[in-house]
Amino acid sequence: MEQQLHRLDTLINQLLEVGRLDAVGHDEEPEELPLLPLLQQCARSACTRHQCSLENVFRFEGRPVVVNARPIVLEMIFGNLLDNAIKYGGQ
């Protein structure tokens, strides 16, 4: 029963997140964003929330990438992804 409640809670949260992503950012125009600073900011925020060390959790490597997107939407997406990576990724 508890497992089913947890699964239902996860599903509801995912649906709410989809609704937020659909509603957020409509007032903003897409802009060219360098991805690395955005990811670093999201990673710092996630590490602060989960009280972990950025250096022990994330490694930023690769070529610079620029995307054309709404910043707030990418912050929500990457923030959620990184929160889940820390929370469920294990050691």
PDB file of N, CA and C in Angstrom:
ATOM      1  N   MET A   1       0.824  -1.187   0.000  1.00  0.00           N
ATOM      2  CA  MET A   1       0.000   0.000   0.000  1.00  0.00           C
ATOM      3  C   MET A   1       0.875   1.259   0.000  1.00  0.00           C
ATOM      4  N   GLU A   2       1.910   1.266   0.856  1.00  0.00           N
ATOM      5  CA  GLU A   2       2.795   2.428   0.935  1.00  0.00           C
ATOM      6  C   GLU A   2       3.531   2.648  -0.388  1.00  0.00           C
ATOM      7  N   GLN A   3       3.938   1.560  -1.018  1.00  0.00           N
ATOM      8  CA  GLN A   3       4.633   1.668  -2.303  1.00  0.00           C
ATOM      9  C   GLN A   3       3.706   2.255  -3.368  1.00  0.00           C
ATOM     10  N   GLN A   4       2.448   1.850  -3.364  1.00  0.00           N
ATOM     11  CA  GLN A   4       1.480   2.381  -4.323  1.00  0.00           C
ATOM     12  C   GLN A   4       1.225   3.866  -4.083  1.00  0.00           C
ATOM     13  N   LEU A   5       1.167   4.280  -2.816  1.00  0.00           N
ATOM     14  CA  LEU A   5       0.992   5.698  -2.502  1.00  0.00           C
ATOM     15  C   LEU A   5       2.196   6.511  -2.968  1.00  0.00           C
ATOM     16  N   HIS A   6       3.376   5.970  -2.762  1.00  0.00           N
ATOM     17  CA  HIS A   6       4.582   6.663  -3.210  1.00  0.00           C
ATOM     18  C   HIS A   6       4.572   6.801  -4.736  1.00  0.00           C
ATOM     19  N   ARG A   7       4.195   5.742  -5.415  1.00  0.00           N
ATOM     20  CA  ARG A   7       4.135   5.768  -6.882  1.00  0.00           C
ATOM     21  C   ARG A   7       3.102   6.786  -7.364  1.00  0.00           C
ATOM     22  N   LEU A   8       1.951   6.833  -6.728  1.00  0.00           N
ATOM     23  CA  LEU A   8       0.906   7.793  -7.079  1.00  0.00           C
ATOM     24  C   LEU A   8       1.379   9.220  -6.813  1.00  0.00           C
ATOM     25  N   ASP A   9       2.052   9.425  -5.689  1.00  0.00           N
ATOM     26  CA  ASP A   9       2.597  10.744  -5.367  1.00  0.00           C
ATOM     27  C   ASP A   9       3.607  11.186  -6.426  1.00  0.00           C
ATOM     28  N   THR A  10       4.466  10.283  -6.846  1.00  0.00           N
ATOM     29  CA  THR A  10       5.448  10.591  -7.887  1.00  0.00           C
ATOM     30  C   THR A  10       4.761  10.957  -9.193  1.00  0.00           C
ATOM     31  N   LEU A  11       3.748  10.201  -9.566  1.00  0.00           N
ATOM     32  CA  LEU A  11       3.010  10.476 -10.799  1.00  0.00           C
ATOM     33  C   LEU A  11       2.334  11.845 -10.748  1.00  0.00           C
ATOM     34  N   ILE A  12       1.713  12.155  -9.629  1.00  0.00           N
ATOM     35  CA  ILE A  12       1.048  13.458  -9.475  1.00  0.00           C
ATOM     36  C   ILE A  12       2.069  14.587  -9.573  1.00  0.00           C
ATOM     37  N   ASN A  13       3.210  14.418  -8.915  1.00  0.00           N
ATOM     38  CA  ASN A  13       4.252  15.448  -8.983  1.00  0.00           C
ATOM     39  C   ASN A  13       4.778  15.627 -10.402  1.00  0.00           C
ATOM     40  N   GLN A  14       4.908  14.536 -11.137  1.00  0.00           N
ATOM     41  CA  GLN A  14       5.359  14.635 -12.526  1.00  0.00           C
ATOM     42  C   GLN A  14       4.335  15.372 -13.382  1.00  0.00           C
ATOM     43  N   LEU A  15       3.063  15.088 -13.169  1.00  0.00           N
ATOM     44  CA  LEU A  15       2.014  15.785 -13.923  1.00  0.00           C
ATOM     45  C   LEU A  15       1.988  17.272 -13.589  1.00  0.00           C
ATOM     46  N   LEU A  16       2.159  17.604 -12.320  1.00  0.00           N
ATOM     47  CA  LEU A  16       2.218  19.010 -11.925  1.00  0.00           C
ATOM     48  C   LEU A  16       3.421  19.704 -12.553  1.00  0.00           C
ATOM     49  N   GLU A  17       4.530  19.011 -12.611  1.00  0.00           N
ATOM     50  CA  GLU A  17       5.740  19.582 -13.218  1.00  0.00           C
ATOM     51  C   GLU A  17       5.530  19.848 -14.706  1.00  0.00           C
ATOM     52  N   VAL A  18       4.886  18.929 -15.392  1.00  0.00           N
ATOM     53  CA  VAL A  18       4.580  19.130 -16.813  1.00  0.00           C
ATOM     54  C   VAL A  18       3.692  20.356 -16.985  1.00  0.00           C
ATOM     55  N   GLY A  19       2.705  20.508 -16.118  1.00  0.00           N
ATOM     56  CA  GLY A  19       1.828  21.676 -16.178  1.00  0.00           C
ATOM     57  C   GLY A  19       2.578  22.967 -15.935  1.00  0.00           C
ATOM     58  N   ARG A  20       3.512  22.939 -14.987  1.00  0.00           N
ATOM     59  CA  ARG A  20       4.317  24.140 -14.709  1.00  0.00           C
ATOM     60  C   ARG A  20       5.201  24.479 -15.897  1.00  0.00           C
ATOM     61  N   LEU A  21       5.826  23.464 -16.475  1.00  0.00           N
ATOM     62  CA  LEU A  21       6.688  23.704 -17.630  1.00  0.00           C
ATOM     63  C   LEU A  21       5.893  24.258 -18.802  1.00  0.00           C
ATOM     64  N   ASP A  22       4.669  23.799 -18.940  1.00  0.00           N
ATOM     65  CA  ASP A  22       3.821  24.287 -20.024  1.00  0.00           C
ATOM     66  C   ASP A  22       3.436  25.748 -19.797  1.00  0.00           C
ATOM     67  N   ALA A  23       3.221  26.119 -18.530  1.00  0.00           N
ATOM     68  CA  ALA A  23       2.759  27.476 -18.217  1.00  0.00           C
ATOM     69  C   ALA A  23       3.898  28.479 -18.042  1.00  0.00           C
ATOM     70  N   VAL A  24       5.050  28.009 -17.627  1.00  0.00           N
ATOM     71  CA  VAL A  24       6.165  28.908 -17.317  1.00  0.00           C
ATOM     72  C   VAL A  24       6.886  29.322 -18.594  1.00  0.00           C
ATOM     73  N   GLY A  25       7.324  30.531 -18.587  1.00  0.00           N
ATOM     74  CA  GLY A  25       8.188  30.980 -19.658  1.00  0.00           C
ATOM     75  C   GLY A  25       7.487  31.521 -20.876  1.00  0.00           C
ATOM     76  N   HIS A  26       6.157  31.538 -20.883  1.00  0.00           N
ATOM     77  CA  HIS A  26       5.453  32.055 -22.053  1.00  0.00           C
ATOM     78  C   HIS A  26       5.673  33.549 -22.219  1.00  0.00           C
ATOM     79  N   ASP A  27       5.971  34.252 -21.133  1.00  0.00           N
ATOM     80  CA  ASP A  27       6.219  35.688 -21.216  1.00  0.00           C
ATOM     81  C   ASP A  27       7.642  35.990 -21.677  1.00  0.00           C
ATOM     82  N   GLU A  28       8.500  34.998 -21.600  1.00  0.00           N
ATOM     83  CA  GLU A  28       9.892  35.182 -21.996  1.00  0.00           C
ATOM     84  C   GLU A  28      10.092  34.747 -23.438  1.00  0.00           C
ATOM     85  N   GLU A  29      10.930  35.473 -24.123  1.00  0.00           N
ATOM     86  CA  GLU A  29      11.331  35.067 -25.463  1.00  0.00           C
ATOM     87  C   GLU A  29      12.536  34.139 -25.336  1.00  0.00           C
ATOM     88  N   PRO A  30      12.626  33.141 -26.202  1.00  0.00           N
ATOM     89  CA  PRO A  30      13.839  32.316 -26.190  1.00  0.00           C
ATOM     90  C   PRO A  30      15.061  33.192 -26.474  1.00  0.00           C
ATOM     91  N   GLU A  31      16.161  32.824 -25.873  1.00  0.00           N
ATOM     92  CA  GLU A  31      17.399  33.561 -26.100  1.00  0.00           C
ATOM     93  C   GLU A  31      18.554  32.583 -26.195  1.00  0.00           C
ATOM     94  N   GLU A  32      19.651  33.036 -26.756  1.00  0.00           N
ATOM     95  CA  GLU A  32      20.827  32.189 -26.850  1.00  0.00           C
ATOM     96  C   GLU A  32      21.517  32.160 -25.494  1.00  0.00           C
ATOM     97  N   LEU A  33      21.657  30.964 -24.964  1.00  0.00           N
ATOM     98  CA  LEU A  33      22.229  30.780 -23.625  1.00  0.00           C
ATOM     99  C   LEU A  33      23.432  29.853 -23.684  1.00  0.00           C
ATOM    100  N   PRO A  34      24.547  30.253 -23.091  1.00  0.00           N
ATOM    101  CA  PRO A  34      25.632  29.295 -22.918  1.00  0.00           C
ATOM    102  C   PRO A  34      25.207  28.279 -21.854  1.00  0.00           C
ATOM    103  N   LEU A  35      25.280  27.019 -22.182  1.00  0.00           N
ATOM    104  CA  LEU A  35      24.737  25.975 -21.316  1.00  0.00           C
ATOM    105  C   LEU A  35      25.566  25.748 -20.051  1.00  0.00           C
ATOM    106  N   LEU A  36      26.882  25.848 -20.144  1.00  0.00           N
ATOM    107  CA  LEU A  36      27.734  25.546 -18.992  1.00  0.00           C
ATOM    108  C   LEU A  36      27.427  26.411 -17.770  1.00  0.00           C
ATOM    109  N   PRO A  37      27.360  27.746 -17.884  1.00  0.00           N
ATOM    110  CA  PRO A  37      27.037  28.542 -16.689  1.00  0.00           C
ATOM    111  C   PRO A  37      25.666  28.203 -16.100  1.00  0.00           C
ATOM    112  N   LEU A  38      24.693  27.913 -16.962  1.00  0.00           N
ATOM    113  CA  LEU A  38      23.360  27.543 -16.485  1.00  0.00           C
ATOM    114  C   LEU A  38      23.415  26.232 -15.701  1.00  0.00           C
ATOM    115  N   LEU A  39      24.121  25.233 -16.245  1.00  0.00           N
ATOM    116  CA  LEU A  39      24.249  23.945 -15.554  1.00  0.00           C
ATOM    117  C   LEU A  39      25.012  24.093 -14.238  1.00  0.00           C
ATOM    118  N   GLN A  40      26.050  24.910 -14.235  1.00  0.00           N
ATOM    119  CA  GLN A  40      26.809  25.120 -13.002  1.00  0.00           C
ATOM    120  C   GLN A  40      25.945  25.777 -11.932  1.00  0.00           C
ATOM    121  N   GLN A  41      25.150  26.750 -12.328  1.00  0.00           N
ATOM    122  CA  GLN A  41      24.247  27.412 -11.376  1.00  0.00           C
ATOM    123  C   GLN A  41      23.227  26.420 -10.827  1.00  0.00           C
ATOM    124  N   CYS A  42      22.637  25.614 -11.700  1.00  0.00           N
ATOM    125  CA  CYS A  42      21.658  24.612 -11.256  1.00  0.00           C
ATOM    126  C   CYS A  42      22.312  23.588 -10.331  1.00  0.00           C
ATOM    127  N   ALA A  43      23.542  23.187 -10.655  1.00  0.00           N
ATOM    128  CA  ALA A  43      24.248  22.209  -9.824  1.00  0.00           C
ATOM    129  C   ALA A  43      24.572  22.791  -8.450  1.00  0.00           C
ATOM    130  N   ARG A  44      25.019  24.046  -8.411  1.00  0.00           N
ATOM    131  CA  ARG A  44      25.293  24.684  -7.113  1.00  0.00           C
ATOM    132  C   ARG A  44      24.028  24.742  -6.260  1.00  0.00           C
ATOM    133  N   SER A  45      22.921  25.110  -6.879  1.00  0.00           N
ATOM    134  CA  SER A  45      21.651  25.182  -6.144  1.00  0.00           C
ATOM    135  C   SER A  45      21.238  23.810  -5.627  1.00  0.00           C
ATOM    136  N   ALA A  46      21.370  22.789  -6.475  1.00  0.00           N
ATOM    137  CA  ALA A  46      20.998  21.432  -6.067  1.00  0.00           C
ATOM    138  C   ALA A  46      21.883  20.958  -4.918  1.00  0.00           C
ATOM    139  N   CYS A  47      23.180  21.231  -4.994  1.00  0.00           N
ATOM    140  CA  CYS A  47      24.089  20.818  -3.919  1.00  0.00           C
ATOM    141  C   CYS A  47      23.786  21.561  -2.626  1.00  0.00           C
ATOM    142  N   THR A  48      23.406  22.811  -2.724  1.00  0.00           N
ATOM    143  CA  THR A  48      23.026  23.567  -1.528  1.00  0.00           C
ATOM    144  C   THR A  48      21.784  22.955  -0.894  1.00  0.00           C
ATOM    145  N   ARG A  49      20.789  22.627  -1.723  1.00  0.00           N
ATOM    146  CA  ARG A  49      19.554  22.032  -1.195  1.00  0.00           C
ATOM    147  C   ARG A  49      19.807  20.679  -0.534  1.00  0.00           C
ATOM    148  N   HIS A  50      20.728  19.903  -1.114  1.00  0.00           N
ATOM    149  CA  HIS A  50      20.971  18.545  -0.612  1.00  0.00           C
ATOM    150  C   HIS A  50      22.202  18.470   0.293  1.00  0.00           C
ATOM    151  N   GLN A  51      22.810  19.610   0.585  1.00  0.00           N
ATOM    152  CA  GLN A  51      23.970  19.700   1.469  1.00  0.00           C
ATOM    153  C   GLN A  51      25.086  18.748   1.048  1.00  0.00           C
ATOM    154  N   CYS A  52      25.495  18.886  -0.203  1.00  0.00           N
ATOM    155  CA  CYS A  52      26.592  18.065  -0.700  1.00  0.00           C
ATOM    156  C   CYS A  52      27.611  18.965  -1.397  1.00  0.00           C
ATOM    157  N   SER A  53      28.771  18.432  -1.638  1.00  0.00           N
ATOM    158  CA  SER A  53      29.852  19.190  -2.254  1.00  0.00           C
ATOM    159  C   SER A  53      29.747  19.117  -3.773  1.00  0.00           C
ATOM    160  N   LEU A  54      29.788  20.258  -4.410  1.00  0.00           N
ATOM    161  CA  LEU A  54      29.701  20.322  -5.871  1.00  0.00           C
ATOM    162  C   LEU A  54      30.810  19.499  -6.518  1.00  0.00           C
ATOM    163  N   GLU A  55      32.013  19.597  -5.991  1.00  0.00           N
ATOM    164  CA  GLU A  55      33.160  18.895  -6.570  1.00  0.00           C
ATOM    165  C   GLU A  55      33.019  17.376  -6.476  1.00  0.00           C
ATOM    166  N   ASN A  56      32.318  16.890  -5.453  1.00  0.00           N
ATOM    167  CA  ASN A  56      32.148  15.449  -5.280  1.00  0.00           C
ATOM    168  C   ASN A  56      30.984  14.887  -6.087  1.00  0.00           C
ATOM    169  N   VAL A  57      30.131  15.755  -6.600  1.00  0.00           N
ATOM    170  CA  VAL A  57      28.918  15.286  -7.264  1.00  0.00           C
ATOM    171  C   VAL A  57      28.951  15.503  -8.770  1.00  0.00           C
ATOM    172  N   PHE A  58      29.461  16.645  -9.219  1.00  0.00           N
ATOM    173  CA  PHE A  58      29.399  16.984 -10.639  1.00  0.00           C
ATOM    174  C   PHE A  58      30.777  17.279 -11.203  1.00  0.00           C
ATOM    175  N   ARG A  59      30.945  16.886 -12.466  1.00  0.00           N
ATOM    176  CA  ARG A  59      32.158  17.205 -13.208  1.00  0.00           C
ATOM    177  C   ARG A  59      31.715  17.806 -14.538  1.00  0.00           C
ATOM    178  N   PHE A  60      32.178  18.988 -14.823  1.00  0.00           N
ATOM    179  CA  PHE A  60      31.773  19.691 -16.036  1.00  0.00           C
ATOM    180  C   PHE A  60      32.910  19.619 -17.049  1.00  0.00           C
ATOM    181  N   GLU A  61      32.693  18.855 -18.113  1.00  0.00           N
ATOM    182  CA  GLU A  61      33.700  18.686 -19.155  1.00  0.00           C
ATOM    183  C   GLU A  61      33.029  18.831 -20.512  1.00  0.00           C
ATOM    184  N   GLY A  62      33.826  19.080 -21.509  1.00  0.00           N
ATOM    185  CA  GLY A  62      33.287  19.125 -22.867  1.00  0.00           C
ATOM    186  C   GLY A  62      33.402  20.499 -23.490  1.00  0.00           C
ATOM    187  N   ARG A  63      32.929  20.575 -24.715  1.00  0.00           N
ATOM    188  CA  ARG A  63      32.981  21.826 -25.466  1.00  0.00           C
ATOM    189  C   ARG A  63      31.852  22.749 -25.034  1.00  0.00           C
ATOM    190  N   PRO A  64      32.059  24.057 -25.177  1.00  0.00           N
ATOM    191  CA  PRO A  64      30.981  25.002 -24.881  1.00  0.00           C
ATOM    192  C   PRO A  64      29.803  24.800 -25.838  1.00  0.00           C
ATOM    193  N   VAL A  65      28.605  24.859 -25.296  1.00  0.00           N
ATOM    194  CA  VAL A  65      27.387  24.687 -26.086  1.00  0.00           C
ATOM    195  C   VAL A  65      26.475  25.874 -25.808  1.00  0.00           C
ATOM    196  N   VAL A  66      25.884  26.413 -26.872  1.00  0.00           N
ATOM    197  CA  VAL A  66      24.917  27.497 -26.745  1.00  0.00           C
ATOM    198  C   VAL A  66      23.586  26.974 -27.261  1.00  0.00           C
ATOM    199  N   VAL A  67      22.516  27.201 -26.493  1.00  0.00           N
ATOM    200  CA  VAL A  67      21.181  26.761 -26.894  1.00  0.00           C
ATOM    201  C   VAL A  67      20.260  27.972 -27.003  1.00  0.00           C
ATOM    202  N   ASN A  68      19.235  27.847 -27.812  1.00  0.00           N
ATOM    203  CA  ASN A  68      18.227  28.891 -27.955  1.00  0.00           C
ATOM    204  C   ASN A  68      16.992  28.425 -27.190  1.00  0.00           C
ATOM    205  N   ALA A  69      16.772  29.011 -26.006  1.00  0.00           N
ATOM    206  CA  ALA A  69      15.683  28.539 -25.142  1.00  0.00           C
ATOM    207  C   ALA A  69      15.290  29.624 -24.151  1.00  0.00           C
ATOM    208  N   ARG A  70      14.220  29.352 -23.438  1.00  0.00           N
ATOM    209  CA  ARG A  70      13.775  30.236 -22.358  1.00  0.00           C
ATOM    210  C   ARG A  70      14.534  29.842 -21.088  1.00  0.00           C
ATOM    211  N   PRO A  71      15.279  30.758 -20.489  1.00  0.00           N
ATOM    212  CA  PRO A  71      16.124  30.409 -19.335  1.00  0.00           C
ATOM    213  C   PRO A  71      15.365  29.763 -18.185  1.00  0.00           C
ATOM    214  N   ILE A  72      14.215  30.278 -17.831  1.00  0.00           N
ATOM    215  CA  ILE A  72      13.499  29.758 -16.662  1.00  0.00           C
ATOM    216  C   ILE A  72      13.057  28.310 -16.873  1.00  0.00           C
ATOM    217  N   VAL A  73      12.712  27.969 -18.112  1.00  0.00           N
ATOM    218  CA  VAL A  73      12.296  26.593 -18.401  1.00  0.00           C
ATOM    219  C   VAL A  73      13.489  25.652 -18.254  1.00  0.00           C
ATOM    220  N   LEU A  74      14.637  26.054 -18.801  1.00  0.00           N
ATOM    221  CA  LEU A  74      15.825  25.207 -18.661  1.00  0.00           C
ATOM    222  C   LEU A  74      16.250  25.083 -17.203  1.00  0.00           C
ATOM    223  N   GLU A  75      16.136  26.156 -16.441  1.00  0.00           N
ATOM    224  CA  GLU A  75      16.477  26.080 -15.017  1.00  0.00           C
ATOM    225  C   GLU A  75      15.589  25.074 -14.300  1.00  0.00           C
ATOM    226  N   MET A  76      14.312  25.055 -14.621  1.00  0.00           N
ATOM    227  CA  MET A  76      13.396  24.094 -13.986  1.00  0.00           C
ATOM    228  C   MET A  76      13.736  22.667 -14.397  1.00  0.00           C
ATOM    229  N   ILE A  77      13.976  22.465 -15.686  1.00  0.00           N
ATOM    230  CA  ILE A  77      14.271  21.117 -16.186  1.00  0.00           C
ATOM    231  C   ILE A  77      15.567  20.589 -15.583  1.00  0.00           C
ATOM    232  N   PHE A  78      16.648  21.368 -15.711  1.00  0.00           N
ATOM    233  CA  PHE A  78      17.939  20.904 -15.205  1.00  0.00           C
ATOM    234  C   PHE A  78      17.959  20.841 -13.680  1.00  0.00           C
ATOM    235  N   GLY A  79      17.276  21.764 -13.020  1.00  0.00           N
ATOM    236  CA  GLY A  79      17.195  21.708 -11.564  1.00  0.00           C
ATOM    237  C   GLY A  79      16.544  20.421 -11.094  1.00  0.00           C
ATOM    238  N   ASN A  80      15.446  20.046 -11.732  1.00  0.00           N
ATOM    239  CA  ASN A  80      14.749  18.811 -11.386  1.00  0.00           C
ATOM    240  C   ASN A  80      15.622  17.592 -11.688  1.00  0.00           C
ATOM    241  N   LEU A  81      16.261  17.600 -12.838  1.00  0.00           N
ATOM    242  CA  LEU A  81      17.123  16.490 -13.226  1.00  0.00           C
ATOM    243  C   LEU A  81      18.287  16.319 -12.244  1.00  0.00           C
ATOM    244  N   LEU A  82      18.923  17.418 -11.881  1.00  0.00           N
ATOM    245  CA  LEU A  82      20.057  17.339 -10.961  1.00  0.00           C
ATOM    246  C   LEU A  82      19.620  16.986  -9.544  1.00  0.00           C
ATOM    247  N   ASP A  83      18.471  17.493  -9.108  1.00  0.00           N
ATOM    248  CA  ASP A  83      17.934  17.086  -7.801  1.00  0.00           C
ATOM    249  C   ASP A  83      17.730  15.579  -7.758  1.00  0.00           C
ATOM    250  N   ASN A  84      17.139  15.035  -8.812  1.00  0.00           N
ATOM    251  CA  ASN A  84      16.906  13.591  -8.864  1.00  0.00           C
ATOM    252  C   ASN A  84      18.213  12.814  -8.931  1.00  0.00           C
ATOM    253  N   ALA A  85      19.195  13.340  -9.655  1.00  0.00           N
ATOM    254  CA  ALA A  85      20.490  12.661  -9.748  1.00  0.00           C
ATOM    255  C   ALA A  85      21.141  12.555  -8.372  1.00  0.00           C
ATOM    256  N   ILE A  86      21.077  13.633  -7.603  1.00  0.00           N
ATOM    257  CA  ILE A  86      21.660  13.604  -6.254  1.00  0.00           C
ATOM    258  C   ILE A  86      20.846  12.700  -5.339  1.00  0.00           C
ATOM    259  N   LYS A  87      19.544  12.836  -5.409  1.00  0.00           N
ATOM    260  CA  LYS A  87      18.662  12.110  -4.494  1.00  0.00           C
ATOM    261  C   LYS A  87      18.675  10.606  -4.743  1.00  0.00           C
ATOM    262  N   TYR A  88      18.661  10.201  -6.015  1.00  0.00           N
ATOM    263  CA  TYR A  88      18.512   8.782  -6.335  1.00  0.00           C
ATOM    264  C   TYR A  88      19.762   8.150  -6.938  1.00  0.00           C
ATOM    265  N   GLY A  89      20.813   8.930  -7.159  1.00  0.00           N
ATOM    266  CA  GLY A  89      21.993   8.424  -7.847  1.00  0.00           C
ATOM    267  C   GLY A  89      22.904   7.558  -7.009  1.00  0.00           C
ATOM    268  N   GLY A  90      22.781   7.629  -5.726  1.00  0.00           N
ATOM    269  CA  GLY A  90      23.650   6.835  -4.862  1.00  0.00           C
ATOM    270  C   GLY A  90      25.045   7.431  -4.797  1.00  0.00           C
ATOM    271  N   GLN A  91      25.983   6.642  -4.379  1.00  0.00           N
ATOM    272  CA  GLN A  91      27.361   7.105  -4.226  1.00  0.00           C
ATOM    273  C   GLN A  91      28.024   7.079  -5.560  1.00  0.00           C
TER     274      GLN A  91
END
